[in-house]
Amino acid sequence: MKISIGGYSFQNTFVQGKMDVFGYLETVKYRYGLNVVDLYNGFFVDKSGPVWELADDDYLRKIREALDEKEMTVVNLAVDTASLWDQDKERRELQYQNALKHLRAAEILGAQTVRIDTGGSYSNDPHGDFFDMSQEQFEHIVQRYQEYCRIAADFGSKVGPENHMGPSLNPHFLKQIAEAVNHPNFGVLLHVDRWKVDPELGDSIIAPWACHVHFGGNTLAAEDRAIRIAQTLHDSGFKDYWAIEHNAPDNQYVEVEWALAGMKKVLSKVK
């Protein structure tokens, strides 16, 4: 089974000062027996500024050395504060420059896929732009993803959004974006069961572009539903990594063990 553990699953442990990026690698490799990781940039950035500043190349190379030493592969790098769209043009430019830096980091780390969000309103905004997307926003998002895809192609990676915010929470908008980008190095990190529009159809609509998948704890707890979603993705031809992303409030090592077992059980029932 091609399974990985999203780094954000240990976000609370990290915030408590009980884990760093190297501890995460050790945990995934030796506690859970996996040879792949989903890196989260929140584990190796300076968060004091308006965008999260990356560690220098020397530190990134230390992470790469730790990966190589353990014979581990980065199947996804999830990047925050580098989203494509913001109403504020100055912040939009800051995030653009940060995205370019993170794509360089992805090359150093050998990331197979990179998640950079569309931007827009967050999922808890009742007036979110998942119900509306201006032509300016659409064209900007498409052009930036085309640019990022060309960069990612140079080191054999795919790049694209997760259905996190703004138009990416609407599968119809996300489909329009994917079709307009129209690049072989574009891919979606599909966080299943997380849509604001047509939630029962979203996963199947976006499945053709899925290059990585996140299953949350709530979805895994509803086993029959999780199996149906996984079967839909399998039937669509998905052959990449199934990641758990389960940032439990506490007892995260045990909670991740539960989620990992749940993911394996779900996949064992997919035919």
C-alpha atoms as a PDB file:
ATOM      1  CA  MET A   1       0.000   0.000   0.000  1.00  0.00           C
ATOM      2  CA  LYS A   2       1.243   3.488  -0.865  1.00  0.00           C
ATOM      3  CA  ILE A   3       0.541   5.292   2.417  1.00  0.00           C
ATOM      4  CA  SER A   4       2.101   8.343   4.027  1.00  0.00           C
ATOM      5  CA  ILE A   5       1.568  10.536   7.083  1.00  0.00           C
ATOM      6  CA  GLY A   6       0.929  14.240   6.595  1.00  0.00           C
ATOM      7  CA  GLY A   7       3.342  16.301   8.667  1.00  0.00           C
ATOM      8  CA  TYR A   8       0.457  18.438   9.941  1.00  0.00           C
ATOM      9  CA  SER A   9      -0.725  15.362  11.844  1.00  0.00           C
ATOM     10  CA  PHE A  10       1.916  16.325  14.412  1.00  0.00           C
ATOM     11  CA  GLN A  11       1.254  20.077  14.387  1.00  0.00           C
ATOM     12  CA  ASN A  12       0.189  20.202  18.038  1.00  0.00           C
ATOM     13  CA  THR A  13       3.212  18.157  19.097  1.00  0.00           C
ATOM     14  CA  PHE A  14       5.416  20.564  17.145  1.00  0.00           C
ATOM     15  CA  VAL A  15       3.789  23.647  18.694  1.00  0.00           C
ATOM     16  CA  GLN A  16       4.384  22.179  22.147  1.00  0.00           C
ATOM     17  CA  GLY A  17       8.104  22.000  21.344  1.00  0.00           C
ATOM     18  CA  LYS A  18       8.139  18.190  21.456  1.00  0.00           C
ATOM     19  CA  MET A  19       9.030  17.582  17.803  1.00  0.00           C
ATOM     20  CA  ASP A  20      11.059  19.152  15.013  1.00  0.00           C
ATOM     21  CA  VAL A  21      11.390  18.181  11.369  1.00  0.00           C
ATOM     22  CA  PHE A  22      14.130  15.660  12.150  1.00  0.00           C
ATOM     23  CA  GLY A  23      12.030  14.075  14.895  1.00  0.00           C
ATOM     24  CA  TYR A  24       9.191  13.799  12.419  1.00  0.00           C
ATOM     25  CA  LEU A  25      11.419  11.884  10.007  1.00  0.00           C
ATOM     26  CA  GLU A  26      12.587   9.569  12.797  1.00  0.00           C
ATOM     27  CA  THR A  27       9.002   8.984  13.913  1.00  0.00           C
ATOM     28  CA  VAL A  28       7.682   8.143  10.461  1.00  0.00           C
ATOM     29  CA  LYS A  29      10.603   5.843   9.661  1.00  0.00           C
ATOM     30  CA  TYR A  30      11.128   3.975  12.903  1.00  0.00           C
ATOM     31  CA  ARG A  31       7.808   4.203  14.764  1.00  0.00           C
ATOM     32  CA  TYR A  32       5.476   3.682  11.807  1.00  0.00           C
ATOM     33  CA  GLY A  33       7.801   1.886   9.399  1.00  0.00           C
ATOM     34  CA  LEU A  34       7.246   4.100   6.356  1.00  0.00           C
ATOM     35  CA  ASN A  35       9.818   5.217   3.797  1.00  0.00           C
ATOM     36  CA  VAL A  36       7.932   8.289   2.568  1.00  0.00           C
ATOM     37  CA  VAL A  37       6.935  11.591   4.163  1.00  0.00           C
ATOM     38  CA  ASP A  38       4.632  14.543   3.603  1.00  0.00           C
ATOM     39  CA  LEU A  39       6.698  17.531   4.699  1.00  0.00           C
ATOM     40  CA  TYR A  40       4.912  20.601   6.064  1.00  0.00           C
ATOM     41  CA  ASN A  41       6.814  23.864   5.669  1.00  0.00           C
ATOM     42  CA  GLY A  42       5.563  25.013   9.067  1.00  0.00           C
ATOM     43  CA  PHE A  43       8.234  22.748  10.598  1.00  0.00           C
ATOM     44  CA  PHE A  44      11.208  24.600   9.097  1.00  0.00           C
ATOM     45  CA  VAL A  45      10.315  28.263   8.566  1.00  0.00           C
ATOM     46  CA  ASP A  46      10.504  31.545  10.445  1.00  0.00           C
ATOM     47  CA  LYS A  47       6.914  32.599  11.140  1.00  0.00           C
ATOM     48  CA  SER A  48       7.630  36.094  12.444  1.00  0.00           C
ATOM     49  CA  GLY A  49       6.975  37.953   9.171  1.00  0.00           C
ATOM     50  CA  PRO A  50       3.972  38.455   6.876  1.00  0.00           C
ATOM     51  CA  VAL A  51       4.981  35.287   5.012  1.00  0.00           C
ATOM     52  CA  TRP A  52       6.884  32.337   6.442  1.00  0.00           C
ATOM     53  CA  GLU A  53      10.558  32.671   5.592  1.00  0.00           C
ATOM     54  CA  LEU A  54      12.320  29.470   4.624  1.00  0.00           C
ATOM     55  CA  ALA A  55      15.394  28.191   6.381  1.00  0.00           C
ATOM     56  CA  ASP A  56      18.568  28.721   4.371  1.00  0.00           C
ATOM     57  CA  ASP A  57      19.806  26.207   1.827  1.00  0.00           C
ATOM     58  CA  ASP A  58      22.309  24.719   4.290  1.00  0.00           C
ATOM     59  CA  TYR A  59      19.487  23.751   6.652  1.00  0.00           C
ATOM     60  CA  LEU A  60      17.390  22.396   3.790  1.00  0.00           C
ATOM     61  CA  ARG A  61      20.345  20.268   2.715  1.00  0.00           C
ATOM     62  CA  LYS A  62      20.582  18.896   6.263  1.00  0.00           C
ATOM     63  CA  ILE A  63      16.963  17.792   5.946  1.00  0.00           C
ATOM     64  CA  ARG A  64      17.795  16.222   2.577  1.00  0.00           C
ATOM     65  CA  GLU A  65      20.788  14.441   4.117  1.00  0.00           C
ATOM     66  CA  ALA A  66      18.562  13.068   6.872  1.00  0.00           C
ATOM     67  CA  LEU A  67      16.093  11.859   4.243  1.00  0.00           C
ATOM     68  CA  ASP A  68      18.816  10.197   2.179  1.00  0.00           C
ATOM     69  CA  GLU A  69      20.385   8.603   5.247  1.00  0.00           C
ATOM     70  CA  LYS A  70      17.053   6.965   6.048  1.00  0.00           C
ATOM     71  CA  GLU A  71      16.330   6.183   2.391  1.00  0.00           C
ATOM     72  CA  MET A  72      13.149   8.245   2.564  1.00  0.00           C
ATOM     73  CA  THR A  73      11.313  10.119  -0.179  1.00  0.00           C
ATOM     74  CA  VAL A  74       9.240  13.299   0.086  1.00  0.00           C
ATOM     75  CA  VAL A  75       5.995  12.491  -1.688  1.00  0.00           C
ATOM     76  CA  ASN A  76       4.485  15.889  -0.918  1.00  0.00           C
ATOM     77  CA  LEU A  77       5.641  19.271   0.351  1.00  0.00           C
ATOM     78  CA  ALA A  78       2.741  21.318   1.739  1.00  0.00           C
ATOM     79  CA  VAL A  79       3.421  25.066   1.597  1.00  0.00           C
ATOM     80  CA  ASP A  80       1.558  27.723   3.591  1.00  0.00           C
ATOM     81  CA  THR A  81       1.760  31.535   3.151  1.00  0.00           C
ATOM     82  CA  ALA A  82       2.596  31.244  -0.536  1.00  0.00           C
ATOM     83  CA  SER A  83      -0.943  31.202  -1.939  1.00  0.00           C
ATOM     84  CA  LEU A  84      -1.580  32.606  -5.389  1.00  0.00           C
ATOM     85  CA  TRP A  85      -4.416  35.025  -4.808  1.00  0.00           C
ATOM     86  CA  ASP A  86      -4.849  37.852  -2.318  1.00  0.00           C
ATOM     87  CA  GLN A  87      -6.903  41.010  -2.720  1.00  0.00           C
ATOM     88  CA  ASP A  88      -3.899  42.998  -1.479  1.00  0.00           C
ATOM     89  CA  LYS A  89      -1.465  43.286  -4.384  1.00  0.00           C
ATOM     90  CA  GLU A  90       1.562  43.773  -2.137  1.00  0.00           C
ATOM     91  CA  ARG A  91       0.795  40.624  -0.154  1.00  0.00           C
ATOM     92  CA  ARG A  92       0.101  38.797  -3.423  1.00  0.00           C
ATOM     93  CA  GLU A  93       3.622  39.659  -4.569  1.00  0.00           C
ATOM     94  CA  LEU A  94       5.149  38.592  -1.232  1.00  0.00           C
ATOM     95  CA  GLN A  95       3.394  35.255  -1.523  1.00  0.00           C
ATOM     96  CA  TYR A  96       4.534  34.869  -5.121  1.00  0.00           C
ATOM     97  CA  GLN A  97       8.170  35.375  -4.169  1.00  0.00           C
ATOM     98  CA  ASN A  98       7.700  32.943  -1.283  1.00  0.00           C
ATOM     99  CA  ALA A  99       6.248  30.340  -3.646  1.00  0.00           C
ATOM    100  CA  LEU A 100       9.312  30.599  -5.896  1.00  0.00           C
ATOM    101  CA  LYS A 101      11.584  30.074  -2.882  1.00  0.00           C
ATOM    102  CA  HIS A 102       9.582  27.035  -1.827  1.00  0.00           C
ATOM    103  CA  LEU A 103       9.763  25.532  -5.290  1.00  0.00           C
ATOM    104  CA  ARG A 104      13.536  25.839  -5.010  1.00  0.00           C
ATOM    105  CA  ALA A 105      13.284  24.106  -1.607  1.00  0.00           C
ATOM    106  CA  ALA A 106      11.164  21.365  -3.171  1.00  0.00           C
ATOM    107  CA  GLU A 107      13.939  20.711  -5.662  1.00  0.00           C
ATOM    108  CA  ILE A 108      16.543  20.473  -2.884  1.00  0.00           C
ATOM    109  CA  LEU A 109      14.322  18.128  -0.873  1.00  0.00           C
ATOM    110  CA  GLY A 110      13.373  16.000  -3.874  1.00  0.00           C
ATOM    111  CA  ALA A 111       9.641  16.516  -3.405  1.00  0.00           C
ATOM    112  CA  GLN A 112       7.525  14.557  -5.877  1.00  0.00           C
ATOM    113  CA  THR A 113       4.534  16.889  -5.454  1.00  0.00           C
ATOM    114  CA  VAL A 114       4.146  20.402  -4.052  1.00  0.00           C
ATOM    115  CA  ARG A 115       0.982  21.917  -2.602  1.00  0.00           C
ATOM    116  CA  ILE A 116       0.600  25.674  -3.089  1.00  0.00           C
ATOM    117  CA  ASP A 117      -2.941  26.887  -2.477  1.00  0.00           C
ATOM    118  CA  THR A 118      -5.097  29.048  -4.709  1.00  0.00           C
ATOM    119  CA  GLY A 119      -5.685  31.600  -1.967  1.00  0.00           C
ATOM    120  CA  GLY A 120      -9.002  33.308  -1.432  1.00  0.00           C
ATOM    121  CA  SER A 121     -11.359  33.073   1.515  1.00  0.00           C
ATOM    122  CA  TYR A 122     -10.816  30.403   4.123  1.00  0.00           C
ATOM    123  CA  SER A 123     -13.231  27.540   4.624  1.00  0.00           C
ATOM    124  CA  ASN A 124     -14.754  29.077   7.779  1.00  0.00           C
ATOM    125  CA  ASP A 125     -15.751  32.293   5.993  1.00  0.00           C
ATOM    126  CA  PRO A 126     -19.534  32.268   5.457  1.00  0.00           C
ATOM    127  CA  HIS A 127     -19.113  34.690   2.549  1.00  0.00           C
ATOM    128  CA  GLY A 128     -16.252  32.782   0.972  1.00  0.00           C
ATOM    129  CA  ASP A 129     -15.366  33.169  -2.672  1.00  0.00           C
ATOM    130  CA  PHE A 130     -16.034  29.479  -3.269  1.00  0.00           C
ATOM    131  CA  PHE A 131     -19.403  30.809  -4.501  1.00  0.00           C
ATOM    132  CA  ASP A 132     -17.831  33.381  -6.804  1.00  0.00           C
ATOM    133  CA  MET A 133     -14.549  33.822  -8.661  1.00  0.00           C
ATOM    134  CA  SER A 134     -13.720  36.963 -10.626  1.00  0.00           C
ATOM    135  CA  GLN A 135     -12.179  36.755 -14.079  1.00  0.00           C
ATOM    136  CA  GLU A 136      -9.091  38.570 -12.747  1.00  0.00           C
ATOM    137  CA  GLN A 137      -8.673  36.018  -9.971  1.00  0.00           C
ATOM    138  CA  PHE A 138      -9.183  33.100 -12.344  1.00  0.00           C
ATOM    139  CA  GLU A 139      -6.671  34.348 -14.914  1.00  0.00           C
ATOM    140  CA  HIS A 140      -4.080  35.132 -12.254  1.00  0.00           C
ATOM    141  CA  ILE A 141      -4.403  31.680 -10.661  1.00  0.00           C
ATOM    142  CA  VAL A 142      -4.149  29.901 -14.010  1.00  0.00           C
ATOM    143  CA  GLN A 143      -1.103  31.890 -15.142  1.00  0.00           C
ATOM    144  CA  ARG A 144       0.749  31.348 -11.887  1.00  0.00           C
ATOM    145  CA  TYR A 145       0.095  27.591 -11.862  1.00  0.00           C
ATOM    146  CA  GLN A 146       1.303  27.364 -15.455  1.00  0.00           C
ATOM    147  CA  GLU A 147       4.499  29.136 -14.405  1.00  0.00           C
ATOM    148  CA  TYR A 148       4.964  26.907 -11.356  1.00  0.00           C
ATOM    149  CA  CYS A 149       4.325  23.779 -13.414  1.00  0.00           C
ATOM    150  CA  ARG A 150       7.094  24.741 -15.825  1.00  0.00           C
ATOM    151  CA  ILE A 151       9.462  25.168 -12.867  1.00  0.00           C
ATOM    152  CA  ALA A 152       8.372  21.880 -11.287  1.00  0.00           C
ATOM    153  CA  ALA A 153       8.836  20.056 -14.580  1.00  0.00           C
ATOM    154  CA  ASP A 154      12.541  20.901 -14.482  1.00  0.00           C
ATOM    155  CA  PHE A 155      13.016  18.696 -11.411  1.00  0.00           C
ATOM    156  CA  GLY A 156      10.319  16.105 -12.114  1.00  0.00           C
ATOM    157  CA  SER A 157       7.648  17.289  -9.693  1.00  0.00           C
ATOM    158  CA  LYS A 158       3.973  18.226  -9.841  1.00  0.00           C
ATOM    159  CA  VAL A 159       2.468  21.337  -8.288  1.00  0.00           C
ATOM    160  CA  GLY A 160      -1.047  22.511  -7.550  1.00  0.00           C
ATOM    161  CA  PRO A 161      -3.568  23.345  -4.857  1.00  0.00           C
ATOM    162  CA  GLU A 162      -5.273  21.472  -2.089  1.00  0.00           C
ATOM    163  CA  ASN A 163      -9.016  22.051  -1.739  1.00  0.00           C
ATOM    164  CA  HIS A 164      -8.397  24.373   1.208  1.00  0.00           C
ATOM    165  CA  MET A 165      -9.748  27.837   0.498  1.00  0.00           C
ATOM    166  CA  GLY A 166     -11.525  30.111  -1.950  1.00  0.00           C
ATOM    167  CA  PRO A 167     -12.286  28.649  -5.384  1.00  0.00           C
ATOM    168  CA  SER A 168     -10.528  25.368  -4.565  1.00  0.00           C
ATOM    169  CA  LEU A 169     -13.375  24.522  -2.169  1.00  0.00           C
ATOM    170  CA  ASN A 170     -15.742  24.483  -5.138  1.00  0.00           C
ATOM    171  CA  PRO A 171     -15.013  21.419  -7.311  1.00  0.00           C
ATOM    172  CA  HIS A 172     -16.523  23.101 -10.371  1.00  0.00           C
ATOM    173  CA  PHE A 173     -14.180  26.082 -10.031  1.00  0.00           C
ATOM    174  CA  LEU A 174     -11.223  23.805  -9.345  1.00  0.00           C
ATOM    175  CA  LYS A 175     -12.052  21.777 -12.456  1.00  0.00           C
ATOM    176  CA  GLN A 176     -12.122  24.988 -14.515  1.00  0.00           C
ATOM    177  CA  ILE A 177      -8.712  25.950 -13.134  1.00  0.00           C
ATOM    178  CA  ALA A 178      -7.228  22.513 -13.842  1.00  0.00           C
ATOM    179  CA  GLU A 179      -8.557  22.445 -17.402  1.00  0.00           C
ATOM    180  CA  ALA A 180      -7.260  25.961 -18.090  1.00  0.00           C
ATOM    181  CA  VAL A 181      -3.798  25.259 -16.620  1.00  0.00           C
ATOM    182  CA  ASN A 182      -3.661  22.189 -18.881  1.00  0.00           C
ATOM    183  CA  HIS A 183      -0.136  21.118 -17.929  1.00  0.00           C
ATOM    184  CA  PRO A 184       1.143  17.576 -17.259  1.00  0.00           C
ATOM    185  CA  ASN A 185       2.925  18.793 -14.122  1.00  0.00           C
ATOM    186  CA  PHE A 186      -0.250  20.183 -12.565  1.00  0.00           C
ATOM    187  CA  GLY A 187      -1.866  18.080  -9.869  1.00  0.00           C
ATOM    188  CA  VAL A 188      -4.279  18.483  -6.991  1.00  0.00           C
ATOM    189  CA  LEU A 189      -3.668  17.434  -3.407  1.00  0.00           C
ATOM    190  CA  LEU A 190      -7.179  16.128  -2.889  1.00  0.00           C
ATOM    191  CA  HIS A 191      -8.311  16.387   0.720  1.00  0.00           C
ATOM    192  CA  VAL A 192     -11.327  14.127   0.491  1.00  0.00           C
ATOM    193  CA  ASP A 193     -14.658  14.961   2.056  1.00  0.00           C
ATOM    194  CA  ARG A 194     -13.877  18.671   2.343  1.00  0.00           C
ATOM    195  CA  TRP A 195     -16.023  20.580  -0.126  1.00  0.00           C
ATOM    196  CA  LYS A 196     -18.202  23.669   0.344  1.00  0.00           C
ATOM    197  CA  VAL A 197     -20.107  23.092  -2.899  1.00  0.00           C
ATOM    198  CA  ASP A 198     -21.556  19.731  -4.053  1.00  0.00           C
ATOM    199  CA  PRO A 199     -19.762  17.761  -1.305  1.00  0.00           C
ATOM    200  CA  GLU A 200     -21.032  14.417  -2.583  1.00  0.00           C
ATOM    201  CA  LEU A 201     -19.633  15.023  -6.069  1.00  0.00           C
ATOM    202  CA  GLY A 202     -16.417  16.925  -5.371  1.00  0.00           C
ATOM    203  CA  ASP A 203     -14.034  14.010  -4.948  1.00  0.00           C
ATOM    204  CA  SER A 204     -15.141  12.311  -8.159  1.00  0.00           C
ATOM    205  CA  ILE A 205     -15.054  15.593 -10.142  1.00  0.00           C
ATOM    206  CA  ILE A 206     -11.449  16.303  -9.155  1.00  0.00           C
ATOM    207  CA  ALA A 207     -10.195  12.708  -9.111  1.00  0.00           C
ATOM    208  CA  PRO A 208      -8.660  12.928 -12.639  1.00  0.00           C
ATOM    209  CA  TRP A 209      -6.198  15.585 -11.388  1.00  0.00           C
ATOM    210  CA  ALA A 210      -5.420  14.045  -7.997  1.00  0.00           C
ATOM    211  CA  CYS A 211      -1.685  13.446  -7.533  1.00  0.00           C
ATOM    212  CA  HIS A 212      -1.806  12.989  -3.756  1.00  0.00           C
ATOM    213  CA  VAL A 213      -4.641  12.377  -1.300  1.00  0.00           C
ATOM    214  CA  HIS A 214      -5.360  13.349   2.315  1.00  0.00           C
ATOM    215  CA  PHE A 215      -7.836  11.471   4.485  1.00  0.00           C
ATOM    216  CA  GLY A 216      -8.779  13.200   7.729  1.00  0.00           C
ATOM    217  CA  GLY A 217      -9.680  11.472  10.971  1.00  0.00           C
ATOM    218  CA  ASN A 218     -13.383  12.305  10.689  1.00  0.00           C
ATOM    219  CA  THR A 219     -13.589  10.597   7.300  1.00  0.00           C
ATOM    220  CA  LEU A 220     -11.685   7.534   8.499  1.00  0.00           C
ATOM    221  CA  ALA A 221     -13.990   7.259  11.519  1.00  0.00           C
ATOM    222  CA  ALA A 222     -16.913   6.870   9.101  1.00  0.00           C
ATOM    223  CA  GLU A 223     -15.477   3.671   7.652  1.00  0.00           C
ATOM    224  CA  ASP A 224     -18.158   2.882   5.079  1.00  0.00           C
ATOM    225  CA  ARG A 225     -17.981   6.420   3.700  1.00  0.00           C
ATOM    226  CA  ALA A 226     -14.178   6.310   3.616  1.00  0.00           C
ATOM    227  CA  ILE A 227     -14.291   3.038   1.665  1.00  0.00           C
ATOM    228  CA  ARG A 228     -16.725   4.510  -0.879  1.00  0.00           C
ATOM    229  CA  ILE A 229     -14.491   7.537  -1.406  1.00  0.00           C
ATOM    230  CA  ALA A 230     -11.364   5.411  -1.748  1.00  0.00           C
ATOM    231  CA  GLN A 231     -13.129   3.095  -4.195  1.00  0.00           C
ATOM    232  CA  THR A 232     -14.172   6.108  -6.295  1.00  0.00           C
ATOM    233  CA  LEU A 233     -10.579   7.324  -6.469  1.00  0.00           C
ATOM    234  CA  HIS A 234      -9.265   3.848  -7.223  1.00  0.00           C
ATOM    235  CA  ASP A 235     -11.802   3.438 -10.023  1.00  0.00           C
ATOM    236  CA  SER A 236     -10.730   6.800 -11.454  1.00  0.00           C
ATOM    237  CA  GLY A 237      -7.207   5.437 -11.870  1.00  0.00           C
ATOM    238  CA  PHE A 238      -5.544   7.009  -8.814  1.00  0.00           C
ATOM    239  CA  LYS A 239      -2.223   5.223  -8.205  1.00  0.00           C
ATOM    240  CA  ASP A 240      -0.323   7.653  -6.002  1.00  0.00           C
ATOM    241  CA  TYR A 241       0.007   8.051  -2.216  1.00  0.00           C
ATOM    242  CA  TRP A 242      -2.836   7.948   0.270  1.00  0.00           C
ATOM    243  CA  ALA A 243      -1.872  10.172   3.211  1.00  0.00           C
ATOM    244  CA  ILE A 244      -3.504  10.570   6.574  1.00  0.00           C
ATOM    245  CA  GLU A 245      -3.759  14.112   7.945  1.00  0.00           C
ATOM    246  CA  HIS A 246      -5.129  13.900  11.456  1.00  0.00           C
ATOM    247  CA  ASN A 247      -4.045  16.685  13.820  1.00  0.00           C
ATOM    248  CA  ALA A 248      -5.631  15.306  16.985  1.00  0.00           C
ATOM    249  CA  PRO A 249      -5.835  17.598  20.049  1.00  0.00           C
ATOM    250  CA  ASP A 250      -3.534  15.337  22.076  1.00  0.00           C
ATOM    251  CA  ASN A 251      -2.013  11.835  22.236  1.00  0.00           C
ATOM    252  CA  GLN A 252      -0.895  12.380  18.667  1.00  0.00           C
ATOM    253  CA  TYR A 253       1.416   9.371  18.395  1.00  0.00           C
ATOM    254  CA  VAL A 254      -1.460   7.048  19.334  1.00  0.00           C
ATOM    255  CA  GLU A 255      -3.984   8.953  17.230  1.00  0.00           C
ATOM    256  CA  VAL A 256      -1.764   8.729  14.153  1.00  0.00           C
ATOM    257  CA  GLU A 257      -1.325   5.006  14.781  1.00  0.00           C
ATOM    258  CA  TRP A 258      -5.130   4.667  14.828  1.00  0.00           C
ATOM    259  CA  ALA A 259      -5.523   6.723  11.643  1.00  0.00           C
ATOM    260  CA  LEU A 260      -2.787   4.786   9.872  1.00  0.00           C
ATOM    261  CA  ALA A 261      -4.475   1.491  10.752  1.00  0.00           C
ATOM    262  CA  GLY A 262      -7.791   2.914   9.563  1.00  0.00           C
ATOM    263  CA  MET A 263      -6.305   3.949   6.228  1.00  0.00           C
ATOM    264  CA  LYS A 264      -4.834   0.490   5.750  1.00  0.00           C
ATOM    265  CA  LYS A 265      -8.162  -1.127   6.589  1.00  0.00           C
ATOM    266  CA  VAL A 266     -10.014   1.099   4.132  1.00  0.00           C
ATOM    267  CA  LEU A 267      -7.570   0.338   1.320  1.00  0.00           C
ATOM    268  CA  SER A 268      -7.736  -3.379   2.046  1.00  0.00           C
ATOM    269  CA  LYS A 269     -11.440  -3.256   1.165  1.00  0.00           C
ATOM    270  CA  VAL A 270     -10.956  -1.405  -2.118  1.00  0.00           C
ATOM    271  CA  LYS A 271     -11.220  -3.757  -5.093  1.00  0.00           C
END
